[in-house]
């Protein structure tokens, strides 16, 4: 397995997340202090609460991706350990955050860190997430959102990028949704429109896939040369 990561972006966003979190806390505390020092500024704490909370949430959003362990890039690298050198894993190099090039095709991997219970709701055609306390949802664990739509959008972005680079020689792109939290529990996932996997099942899943059209070594070299130029 060959792994290439955009370490510059990871370090920058990790630093940015810490700075935003600290600044958001300062804004919150300044509003609290102002309410005691200047009671006539009664509206100020309200605005600093909203501003500080928003800034802190942006910091938390980035921290969940670039600071919090297991970081998605590290978790996916560990999950694909043991695959041979025909497989290439790219973190934050393509339009998709995590791209896997294998003999069985090109995949985008949308990583989710959420724990709790996740199950496919056939009637509503979406994933249902439960088993997480309100406290954790409010202060530490963002909503799962619509990850299948997100995964499909990532695959489409990468497909357009490859088509721009290689035209008709660009291979198709297959989306995968992978949960990296070892404590996540799955309900029924048999009818999901795209594969939904736990990180520990990613390696076995890939080994079972048939060989399909994929990026050639020449195409990969061309892409990597473009990044480094």
Protein backbone atom coordinates (compact mmCIF):
# COMPACT_ATOMS: atom_id res chain seq x y z
CA UNK A 1 0.00 0.00 0.00
CA UNK A 2 1.29 3.41 -0.99
CA UNK A 3 0.01 6.35 1.05
CA UNK A 4 0.38 10.03 0.18
CA UNK A 5 -0.95 12.75 2.50
CA UNK A 6 -1.12 16.51 2.20
CA UNK A 7 0.69 17.08 5.49
CA UNK A 8 0.88 20.83 4.94
CA UNK A 9 -2.91 21.12 4.78
CA UNK A 10 -3.38 18.81 7.77
CA UNK A 11 -0.97 20.79 9.97
CA UNK A 12 -2.41 24.14 8.86
CA UNK A 13 -6.00 23.15 9.55
CA UNK A 14 -5.04 21.57 12.88
CA UNK A 15 -3.40 24.82 13.95
CA UNK A 16 -6.34 26.82 12.62
CA UNK A 17 -8.83 24.70 14.59
CA UNK A 18 -6.92 25.25 17.84
CA UNK A 19 -6.70 28.98 17.22
CA UNK A 20 -10.42 29.26 16.47
CA UNK A 21 -11.35 27.26 19.56
CA UNK A 22 -9.16 29.46 21.77
CA UNK A 23 -10.44 32.67 20.18
CA UNK A 24 -14.06 31.54 20.54
CA UNK A 25 -13.48 30.91 24.26
CA UNK A 26 -11.90 34.34 24.66
CA UNK A 27 -14.92 35.96 23.00
CA UNK A 28 -17.29 34.08 25.31
CA UNK A 29 -15.32 35.06 28.43
CA UNK A 30 -15.02 38.69 27.34
CA UNK A 31 -18.79 38.93 27.07
CA UNK A 32 -19.18 37.41 30.52
CA UNK A 33 -16.65 39.83 31.98
CA UNK A 34 -18.32 42.80 30.29
CA UNK A 35 -21.67 41.88 31.85
CA UNK A 36 -20.13 42.39 35.31
CA UNK A 37 -17.91 45.38 34.52
CA UNK A 38 -20.41 47.27 32.36
CA UNK A 39 -23.95 46.21 33.30
CA UNK A 40 -25.34 48.94 31.02
CA UNK A 41 -23.95 46.98 28.05
CA UNK A 42 -26.68 44.44 28.59
CA UNK A 43 -26.85 43.42 24.90
CA UNK A 44 -23.13 42.73 24.52
CA UNK A 45 -23.09 39.28 26.23
CA UNK A 46 -25.83 38.12 23.87
CA UNK A 47 -23.76 38.98 20.77
CA UNK A 48 -20.53 37.61 22.20
CA UNK A 49 -22.32 34.37 23.11
CA UNK A 50 -23.50 33.87 19.52
CA UNK A 51 -20.17 34.93 18.03
CA UNK A 52 -18.03 32.90 20.42
CA UNK A 53 -20.20 29.80 20.07
CA UNK A 54 -20.11 30.02 16.26
CA UNK A 55 -16.33 30.43 16.17
CA UNK A 56 -15.85 27.56 18.62
CA UNK A 57 -18.08 25.30 16.52
CA UNK A 58 -16.02 25.99 13.40
CA UNK A 59 -12.93 25.13 15.42
CA UNK A 60 -14.58 21.92 16.61
CA UNK A 61 -15.57 21.04 13.04
CA UNK A 62 -11.94 21.29 11.94
CA UNK A 63 -10.64 19.54 15.06
CA UNK A 64 -12.87 16.53 14.39
CA UNK A 65 -11.11 16.11 11.03
CA UNK A 66 -7.53 17.21 11.67
CA UNK A 67 -6.86 16.86 15.41
CA UNK A 68 -9.20 14.40 17.10
CA UNK A 69 -7.95 10.83 17.26
CA UNK A 70 -8.38 8.62 15.45
CA UNK A 71 -7.92 11.14 12.67
CA UNK A 72 -9.71 10.03 9.49
CA UNK A 73 -6.50 9.80 7.45
CA UNK A 74 -4.77 7.68 10.09
CA UNK A 75 -7.79 5.46 10.65
CA UNK A 76 -8.16 4.76 6.92
CA UNK A 77 -4.44 4.14 6.51
CA UNK A 78 -4.60 1.59 9.32
CA UNK A 79 -7.75 0.03 7.84
CA UNK A 80 -6.06 -0.59 4.48
CA UNK A 81 -2.80 -1.89 5.93
CA UNK A 82 -1.73 -5.12 4.27
CA UNK A 83 -2.87 -4.28 0.75
CA UNK A 84 -0.07 -4.57 -1.81
CA UNK A 85 1.67 -1.76 -3.69
CA UNK A 86 -0.87 -1.81 -6.51
CA UNK A 87 -3.09 0.12 -4.11
CA UNK A 88 -2.67 3.85 -3.56
CA UNK A 89 -4.34 5.89 -0.82
CA UNK A 90 -4.38 9.68 -1.08
CA UNK A 91 -5.39 11.99 1.77
CA UNK A 92 -6.40 15.55 0.86
CA UNK A 93 -4.71 15.36 -2.55
CA UNK A 94 -7.72 15.03 -4.83
CA UNK A 95 -11.05 16.94 -4.83
CA UNK A 96 -12.27 14.13 -2.54
CA UNK A 97 -10.72 14.12 0.92
CA UNK A 98 -9.73 10.46 0.76
CA UNK A 99 -9.16 8.68 -2.54
CA UNK A 100 -8.26 5.04 -2.94
CA UNK A 101 -6.93 3.70 -6.24
CA UNK A 102 -6.97 -0.10 -6.44
CA UNK A 103 -7.01 -2.83 -9.09
CA UNK A 104 -10.78 -2.99 -8.52
CA UNK A 105 -11.29 0.68 -9.34
CA UNK A 106 -11.10 4.22 -7.99
CA UNK A 107 -12.95 4.94 -4.75
CA UNK A 108 -13.74 8.05 -2.78
CA UNK A 109 -13.95 7.38 0.95
CA UNK A 110 -16.18 9.62 3.03
CA UNK A 111 -15.06 9.08 6.62
CA UNK A 112 -17.37 9.59 9.61
CA UNK A 113 -16.16 9.55 13.21
CA UNK A 114 -19.56 9.40 14.92
CA UNK A 115 -20.32 6.65 17.41
CA UNK A 116 -23.69 5.39 18.59
CA UNK A 117 -26.02 3.33 16.43
CA UNK A 118 -26.44 3.79 12.68
CA UNK A 119 -29.13 2.07 10.65
CA UNK A 120 -30.60 2.37 7.15
CA UNK A 121 -34.19 3.60 7.15
CA UNK A 122 -35.71 2.02 4.04
CA UNK A 123 -38.90 4.11 4.19
CA UNK A 124 -37.15 7.47 4.46
CA UNK A 125 -34.19 6.40 2.30
CA UNK A 126 -31.59 7.75 4.70
CA UNK A 127 -29.36 6.70 7.57
CA UNK A 128 -30.81 6.97 11.07
CA UNK A 129 -28.37 7.88 13.86
CA UNK A 130 -29.16 7.27 17.53
CA UNK A 131 -27.54 6.34 20.84
CA UNK A 132 -25.71 9.64 21.38
CA UNK A 133 -26.52 11.85 24.37
CA UNK A 134 -27.84 15.38 23.88
CA UNK A 135 -24.79 16.69 25.76
CA UNK A 136 -22.39 15.04 23.31
CA UNK A 137 -24.41 16.22 20.32
CA UNK A 138 -24.35 19.79 21.61
CA UNK A 139 -20.75 20.04 22.79
CA UNK A 140 -18.65 17.39 21.11
CA UNK A 141 -20.23 15.34 18.36
CA UNK A 142 -21.68 17.04 15.31
CA UNK A 143 -24.76 15.71 13.59
CA UNK A 144 -24.30 12.86 11.12
CA UNK A 145 -26.11 14.92 8.50
CA UNK A 146 -26.73 13.31 5.09
CA UNK A 147 -23.54 11.28 4.59
CA UNK A 148 -24.79 9.32 1.57
CA UNK A 149 -25.42 12.56 -0.32
CA UNK A 150 -22.03 13.83 0.82
CA UNK A 151 -20.32 10.62 -0.36
CA UNK A 152 -22.05 10.79 -3.74
CA UNK A 153 -21.04 14.43 -4.17
CA UNK A 154 -17.39 13.62 -3.41
CA UNK A 155 -17.41 10.86 -6.04
CA UNK A 156 -18.93 13.23 -8.59
CA UNK A 157 -16.31 15.90 -7.90
CA UNK A 158 -13.49 13.41 -8.36
CA UNK A 159 -15.06 11.97 -11.52
CA UNK A 160 -15.28 15.47 -13.06
CA UNK A 161 -11.67 16.15 -12.09
CA UNK A 162 -10.42 12.93 -13.66
CA UNK A 163 -12.51 13.51 -16.79
CA UNK A 164 -10.90 16.94 -17.12
CA UNK A 165 -7.44 15.38 -16.81
CA UNK A 166 -7.88 12.25 -18.92
CA UNK A 167 -11.06 12.67 -20.95
CA UNK A 168 -12.57 9.37 -22.12
CA UNK A 169 -9.67 7.48 -20.52
CA UNK A 170 -10.80 8.47 -17.02
CA UNK A 171 -12.10 5.49 -15.00
CA UNK A 172 -15.40 5.53 -13.11
CA UNK A 173 -15.40 6.53 -9.45
CA UNK A 174 -17.17 4.54 -6.73
CA UNK A 175 -18.19 6.16 -3.41
CA UNK A 176 -17.72 4.44 -0.05
CA UNK A 177 -18.97 5.60 3.36
CA UNK A 178 -16.70 4.43 6.20
CA UNK A 179 -17.22 4.88 9.95
CA UNK A 180 -13.88 5.09 11.76
CA UNK A 181 -15.23 5.01 15.34
CA UNK A 182 -14.62 1.47 16.70
CA UNK A 183 -17.62 1.86 19.02
CA UNK A 184 -20.19 2.48 16.28
CA UNK A 185 -22.95 -0.14 15.94
CA UNK A 186 -24.69 -0.93 12.67
CA UNK A 187 -28.25 -2.00 12.13
CA UNK A 188 -29.47 -3.19 8.76
CA UNK A 189 -27.33 -1.91 5.87
CA UNK A 190 -28.23 -4.39 3.11
CA UNK A 191 -30.14 -1.97 0.87
CA UNK A 192 -28.06 1.21 1.13
CA UNK A 193 -27.48 2.82 -2.28
CA UNK A 194 -23.71 2.87 -1.69
CA UNK A 195 -21.57 0.61 0.54
CA UNK A 196 -21.52 1.64 4.21
CA UNK A 197 -18.69 0.01 6.15
CA UNK A 198 -16.92 -0.01 9.46
CA UNK A 199 -13.23 0.79 9.07
CA UNK A 200 -12.23 -2.72 10.11
CA UNK A 201 -14.30 -4.16 7.22
CA UNK A 202 -12.76 -1.94 4.53
CA UNK A 203 -9.79 -4.19 3.81
CA UNK A 204 -11.86 -7.40 3.44
CA UNK A 205 -14.40 -5.56 1.29
CA UNK A 206 -11.71 -4.38 -1.14
CA UNK A 207 -10.15 -7.82 -1.42
CA UNK A 208 -13.49 -9.27 -2.59
CA UNK A 209 -14.04 -6.76 -5.40
CA UNK A 210 -13.45 -7.81 -9.04
CA UNK A 211 -10.87 -6.03 -11.14
CA UNK A 212 -12.27 -3.02 -13.00
CA UNK A 213 -11.05 -0.06 -14.97
CA UNK A 214 -8.77 2.05 -12.80
CA UNK A 215 -6.05 4.70 -12.99
CA UNK A 216 -2.85 3.44 -14.59
CA UNK A 217 0.59 4.01 -13.11
CA UNK A 218 1.24 6.52 -15.91
CA UNK A 219 -1.90 8.46 -15.04
CA UNK A 220 -1.02 8.45 -11.33
CA UNK A 221 2.48 9.69 -12.11
CA UNK A 222 1.00 12.50 -14.17
CA UNK A 223 -1.26 13.55 -11.31
CA UNK A 224 1.52 13.39 -8.74
CA UNK A 225 3.84 15.36 -11.02
CA UNK A 226 1.18 18.07 -11.27
CA UNK A 227 0.95 18.32 -7.48
CA UNK A 228 4.70 18.65 -7.09
CA UNK A 229 5.26 21.16 -9.90
